[in-house]
Amino acid sequence: MVRALQKLAAAGAVVLAAVSLQPTTTASAAPAPVVGGTRAAQGEFPWMVRLSMGCGGSLITPQVVLTAAHCVSGSGANTSITATAGVVDLQSSSAIKVRSTKVLQAPGYTGQGKDWALIKLASPITSLPNLKIADTTAYNNGTFTVAGWGAAREGGGQQRYLLKANVPFVSDASCQAAYGSDLVPSDEICAGYSQGGVDTCQGDSGGPMFRKDNNGAWIQVGIVSWGEGCARPGFPGVYTEVSTFASAITSAAATL
């Protein structure tokens, strides 16, 4: 198991999804039910962001996107990234597109653990709500939601429409049984089905894993990071544990 299996999109592919989140067909027959996921409704997850380098992200302030450290090449001025927000259809004429100005990669990131980064946008997106990040481990359990535009199968390309699926929490012990010393339990949280079939995939890196908090609002508990392929039996998805880094993320976002 090597970290090369992080869920960054290959060249020509982009952002987040799940291996069994097959896009609905537009053939003459009515769209068939998808296996493992469905299309998200417009406005369902309004803080979802697609990043032009082939990753996902979440809008955590009007001008800052949270993504994965392995999606960026370092910290500093960066105007090369375009964030697309406000739509489930990436080809929609109503998409909000904003360029980046700065990137902050997690301090001390070396390729294992600490897989988070922030992207500052050239202008704030005030028309969309922000996704709250978990600052406690209280929500690191139960069933999570993942969503995005990434590959619908291993080696596949990006999807045009935002797709969503639910994945259950997997304990550190069970996840370590699959990944051994490659897992950093203090930094990472796992989710998925033992039989496989639903998972994030290539192009999903940096996107959020989230659930409802005690007030019924969405809260981000994970960042799509890596895994052994996509939706393989016995290999859950591995996510950055947001609560571990919440203080650092919040402080960095305020000063970016």
Protein backbone atom coordinates (compact mmCIF):
# COMPACT_ATOMS: atom_id res chain seq x y z
CA MET A 1 0.00 0.00 0.00
CA VAL A 2 1.55 3.29 -1.05
CA ARG A 3 0.39 6.85 -0.88
CA ALA A 4 0.40 7.04 -4.67
CA LEU A 5 -3.18 5.84 -4.40
CA GLN A 6 -4.35 9.21 -3.14
CA LYS A 7 -7.54 10.29 -4.78
CA LEU A 8 -6.23 13.09 -6.93
CA ALA A 9 -7.66 13.11 -10.43
CA ALA A 10 -5.46 11.91 -13.24
CA ALA A 11 -4.66 14.34 -16.03
CA GLY A 12 -7.86 15.24 -17.81
CA ALA A 13 -10.08 14.10 -14.97
CA VAL A 14 -11.51 16.21 -12.19
CA VAL A 15 -12.96 16.26 -8.62
CA LEU A 16 -15.06 14.02 -6.30
CA ALA A 17 -17.35 10.96 -6.54
CA ALA A 18 -17.64 7.28 -5.64
CA VAL A 19 -16.77 4.13 -7.51
CA SER A 20 -20.36 2.97 -7.54
CA LEU A 21 -21.82 6.43 -8.06
CA GLN A 22 -22.63 5.69 -11.67
CA PRO A 23 -24.08 8.65 -13.59
CA THR A 24 -27.72 8.27 -14.49
CA THR A 25 -28.33 7.35 -18.10
CA THR A 26 -30.06 9.63 -20.59
CA ALA A 27 -31.02 6.81 -22.94
CA SER A 28 -34.58 6.39 -24.19
CA ALA A 29 -35.56 4.48 -21.08
CA ALA A 30 -36.15 6.33 -17.83
CA PRO A 31 -32.95 6.82 -15.78
CA ALA A 32 -32.15 3.64 -13.87
CA PRO A 33 -31.41 3.76 -10.14
CA VAL A 34 -27.70 4.23 -9.53
CA VAL A 35 -25.75 1.71 -7.47
CA GLY A 36 -24.33 3.26 -4.32
CA GLY A 37 -25.33 6.83 -4.96
CA THR A 38 -27.57 9.34 -6.68
CA ARG A 39 -27.37 12.76 -8.24
CA ALA A 40 -27.40 15.61 -5.78
CA ALA A 41 -30.13 18.20 -6.19
CA GLN A 42 -29.22 21.75 -7.11
CA GLY A 43 -28.51 23.59 -3.86
CA GLU A 44 -28.37 20.44 -1.73
CA PHE A 45 -24.69 20.89 -0.83
CA PRO A 46 -24.11 24.54 -1.79
CA TRP A 47 -20.64 24.74 -0.24
CA MET A 48 -19.21 22.07 -2.55
CA VAL A 49 -16.34 23.32 -4.74
CA ARG A 50 -14.63 21.82 -7.74
CA LEU A 51 -10.98 22.80 -8.18
CA SER A 52 -9.32 23.00 -11.57
CA MET A 53 -6.25 20.94 -10.65
CA GLY A 54 -8.48 17.88 -10.29
CA CYS A 55 -9.68 17.96 -6.70
CA GLY A 56 -12.72 18.78 -4.60
CA GLY A 57 -13.08 21.22 -1.75
CA SER A 58 -15.49 22.91 0.60
CA LEU A 59 -16.19 26.58 1.14
CA ILE A 60 -15.46 27.09 4.86
CA THR A 61 -15.50 30.90 4.72
CA PRO A 62 -16.71 33.13 1.88
CA GLN A 63 -13.14 33.40 0.59
CA VAL A 64 -11.40 30.18 1.72
CA VAL A 65 -11.69 26.64 0.36
CA LEU A 66 -10.59 23.63 2.43
CA THR A 67 -9.02 20.82 0.40
CA ALA A 68 -6.27 18.18 0.70
CA ALA A 69 -2.57 18.95 1.09
CA HIS A 70 -1.63 16.49 -1.65
CA CYS A 71 -3.76 18.49 -4.11
CA VAL A 72 -1.36 21.45 -3.95
CA SER A 73 2.38 21.76 -4.42
CA GLY A 74 3.19 23.97 -1.46
CA SER A 75 2.35 27.28 0.19
CA GLY A 76 2.47 30.82 -1.16
CA ALA A 77 1.02 33.01 -3.87
CA ASN A 78 -0.88 30.98 -6.46
CA THR A 79 -3.22 32.31 -9.15
CA SER A 80 -3.35 29.10 -11.19
CA ILE A 81 -6.38 27.44 -9.55
CA THR A 82 -9.98 28.06 -10.54
CA ALA A 83 -12.74 27.21 -8.08
CA THR A 84 -16.16 26.36 -9.50
CA ALA A 85 -19.08 26.63 -7.09
CA GLY A 86 -22.82 27.08 -6.84
CA VAL A 87 -23.88 24.34 -9.27
CA VAL A 88 -24.31 20.58 -9.49
CA ASP A 89 -23.79 20.67 -13.28
CA LEU A 90 -20.22 21.73 -14.07
CA GLN A 91 -21.39 22.90 -17.50
CA SER A 92 -24.07 25.18 -16.09
CA SER A 93 -23.94 28.78 -17.27
CA SER A 94 -24.75 29.89 -13.72
CA ALA A 95 -21.56 28.41 -12.24
CA ILE A 96 -19.54 30.76 -10.04
CA LYS A 97 -15.88 30.69 -11.03
CA VAL A 98 -13.20 32.41 -8.95
CA ARG A 99 -9.42 32.28 -9.25
CA SER A 100 -7.07 31.57 -6.36
CA THR A 101 -4.62 34.06 -4.90
CA LYS A 102 -2.84 32.07 -2.18
CA VAL A 103 -2.39 28.49 -1.04
CA LEU A 104 -1.48 27.23 2.41
CA GLN A 105 -0.42 23.59 2.63
CA ALA A 106 -0.58 22.05 6.11
CA PRO A 107 2.62 22.85 8.01
CA GLY A 108 4.76 19.75 8.33
CA TYR A 109 3.00 17.83 5.56
CA THR A 110 5.30 15.13 4.17
CA GLY A 111 2.86 12.86 2.36
CA GLN A 112 1.56 10.89 5.32
CA GLY A 113 -1.05 12.41 7.61
CA LYS A 114 -1.72 16.16 7.93
CA ASP A 115 -3.48 16.04 4.56
CA TRP A 116 -5.21 19.43 4.49
CA ALA A 117 -4.71 22.70 2.68
CA LEU A 118 -6.43 26.06 2.25
CA ILE A 119 -6.98 28.04 -0.93
CA LYS A 120 -7.75 31.75 -0.74
CA LEU A 121 -10.01 33.07 -3.48
CA ALA A 122 -9.55 36.38 -5.29
CA SER A 123 -12.98 37.52 -4.13
CA PRO A 124 -15.48 36.21 -1.56
CA ILE A 125 -18.44 34.12 -2.63
CA THR A 126 -21.12 35.74 -0.50
CA SER A 127 -24.11 34.14 -2.22
CA LEU A 128 -23.38 30.67 -0.86
CA PRO A 129 -23.37 29.30 2.70
CA ASN A 130 -20.22 27.90 4.28
CA LEU A 131 -19.64 24.40 5.63
CA LYS A 132 -18.86 24.27 9.36
CA ILE A 133 -15.89 22.12 10.33
CA ALA A 134 -15.98 19.74 13.29
CA ASP A 135 -13.85 20.89 16.22
CA THR A 136 -14.73 17.89 18.39
CA THR A 137 -14.59 14.12 17.90
CA ALA A 138 -18.29 13.89 18.85
CA TYR A 139 -19.27 13.56 15.19
CA ASN A 140 -16.59 11.03 14.21
CA ASN A 141 -19.12 8.19 14.11
CA GLY A 142 -22.29 7.01 12.44
CA THR A 143 -23.05 7.44 8.76
CA PHE A 144 -21.36 10.09 6.65
CA THR A 145 -22.16 11.62 3.28
CA VAL A 146 -19.65 12.09 0.48
CA ALA A 147 -20.32 14.02 -2.70
CA GLY A 148 -18.51 15.20 -5.80
CA TRP A 149 -17.71 15.03 -9.47
CA GLY A 150 -14.83 12.50 -9.56
CA ALA A 151 -14.44 9.12 -11.23
CA ALA A 152 -17.38 6.70 -11.09
CA ARG A 153 -15.00 3.74 -11.36
CA GLU A 154 -11.30 3.09 -10.87
CA GLY A 155 -9.40 4.82 -13.64
CA GLY A 156 -12.50 6.66 -14.86
CA GLY A 157 -12.87 10.32 -15.68
CA GLN A 158 -14.73 13.17 -14.06
CA GLN A 159 -18.49 13.37 -13.88
CA ARG A 160 -20.50 16.31 -15.15
CA TYR A 161 -23.05 16.16 -12.35
CA LEU A 162 -22.51 16.20 -8.60
CA LEU A 163 -23.16 12.76 -7.10
CA LYS A 164 -23.67 11.73 -3.48
CA ALA A 165 -23.56 8.59 -1.36
CA ASN A 166 -23.52 7.50 2.28
CA VAL A 167 -20.66 5.60 3.91
CA PRO A 168 -20.46 4.22 7.46
CA PHE A 169 -17.72 4.91 9.99
CA VAL A 170 -14.95 2.31 10.20
CA SER A 171 -12.95 2.00 13.44
CA ASP A 172 -9.23 2.69 13.56
CA ALA A 173 -8.61 -0.96 14.44
CA SER A 174 -10.49 -2.23 11.40
CA CYS A 175 -8.85 0.34 9.15
CA GLN A 176 -5.37 -0.55 10.44
CA ALA A 177 -6.12 -4.20 9.71
CA ALA A 178 -6.44 -3.16 6.07
CA TYR A 179 -3.66 -0.57 5.82
CA GLY A 180 -1.20 -1.31 8.62
CA SER A 181 1.39 1.38 9.31
CA ASP A 182 0.28 3.46 6.32
CA LEU A 183 -2.65 4.66 8.41
CA VAL A 184 -2.08 7.54 10.83
CA PRO A 185 -4.96 7.05 13.32
CA SER A 186 -4.38 10.39 15.07
CA ASP A 187 -4.71 12.25 11.77
CA GLU A 188 -7.14 10.09 9.80
CA ILE A 189 -10.65 8.65 9.95
CA CYS A 190 -11.98 5.82 7.79
CA ALA A 191 -15.36 5.09 6.26
CA GLY A 192 -16.82 2.53 3.89
CA TYR A 193 -18.54 -0.83 3.57
CA SER A 194 -16.68 -4.08 4.25
CA GLN A 195 -18.12 -5.48 1.03
CA GLY A 196 -17.00 -2.41 -0.93
CA GLY A 197 -19.17 -0.95 -3.65
CA VAL A 198 -19.38 2.66 -2.43
CA ASP A 199 -16.40 4.94 -1.97
CA THR A 200 -14.70 8.10 -3.06
CA CYS A 201 -12.42 7.73 -6.07
CA GLN A 202 -9.86 9.49 -8.28
CA GLY A 203 -10.72 13.17 -8.53
CA ASP A 204 -12.38 13.19 -5.11
CA SER A 205 -9.31 14.26 -3.15
CA GLY A 206 -9.90 17.31 -1.01
CA GLY A 207 -13.67 17.05 -0.99
CA PRO A 208 -15.59 16.89 2.28
CA MET A 209 -17.02 13.96 4.19
CA PHE A 210 -19.86 15.31 6.31
CA ARG A 211 -22.89 14.51 8.47
CA LYS A 212 -25.58 16.34 10.44
CA ASP A 213 -24.68 17.88 13.79
CA ASN A 214 -26.94 17.93 16.84
CA ASN A 215 -28.80 20.92 15.41
CA GLY A 216 -29.45 19.24 12.09
CA ALA A 217 -26.86 21.28 10.21
CA TRP A 218 -24.16 19.80 7.99
CA ILE A 219 -20.71 19.59 9.54
CA GLN A 220 -17.48 18.44 7.90
CA VAL A 221 -15.68 15.59 9.67
CA GLY A 222 -13.30 14.44 6.96
CA ILE A 223 -11.35 15.40 3.84
CA VAL A 224 -11.01 12.83 1.04
CA SER A 225 -7.41 11.64 1.19
CA TRP A 226 -6.47 8.16 -0.05
CA GLY A 227 -7.27 4.47 -0.26
CA GLU A 228 -6.51 1.16 -1.96
CA GLY A 229 -8.20 1.68 -5.30
CA CYS A 230 -11.88 2.60 -5.20
CA ALA A 231 -14.60 0.74 -3.31
CA ARG A 232 -12.62 -2.50 -3.07
CA PRO A 233 -13.90 -4.98 -0.47
CA GLY A 234 -11.93 -4.78 2.76
CA PHE A 235 -10.37 -1.39 1.97
CA PRO A 236 -12.32 1.58 3.32
CA GLY A 237 -11.70 5.13 2.22
CA VAL A 238 -9.26 7.14 4.32
CA TYR A 239 -10.06 10.74 5.20
CA THR A 240 -8.21 13.51 7.03
CA GLU A 241 -9.77 13.79 10.50
CA VAL A 242 -10.91 17.41 10.49
CA SER A 243 -11.42 17.70 14.26
CA THR A 244 -7.70 16.99 14.81
CA PHE A 245 -6.75 20.04 12.76
CA ALA A 246 -9.77 22.30 13.33
CA SER A 247 -7.90 24.84 15.44
CA ALA A 248 -5.02 25.08 12.98
CA ILE A 249 -7.41 25.29 10.01
CA THR A 250 -9.51 28.02 11.62
CA SER A 251 -6.46 30.07 12.62
CA ALA A 252 -4.85 29.74 9.21
CA ALA A 253 -8.05 30.65 7.38
CA ALA A 254 -8.36 33.82 9.44
CA THR A 255 -4.88 35.00 8.50
CA LEU A 256 -4.61 33.73 4.91
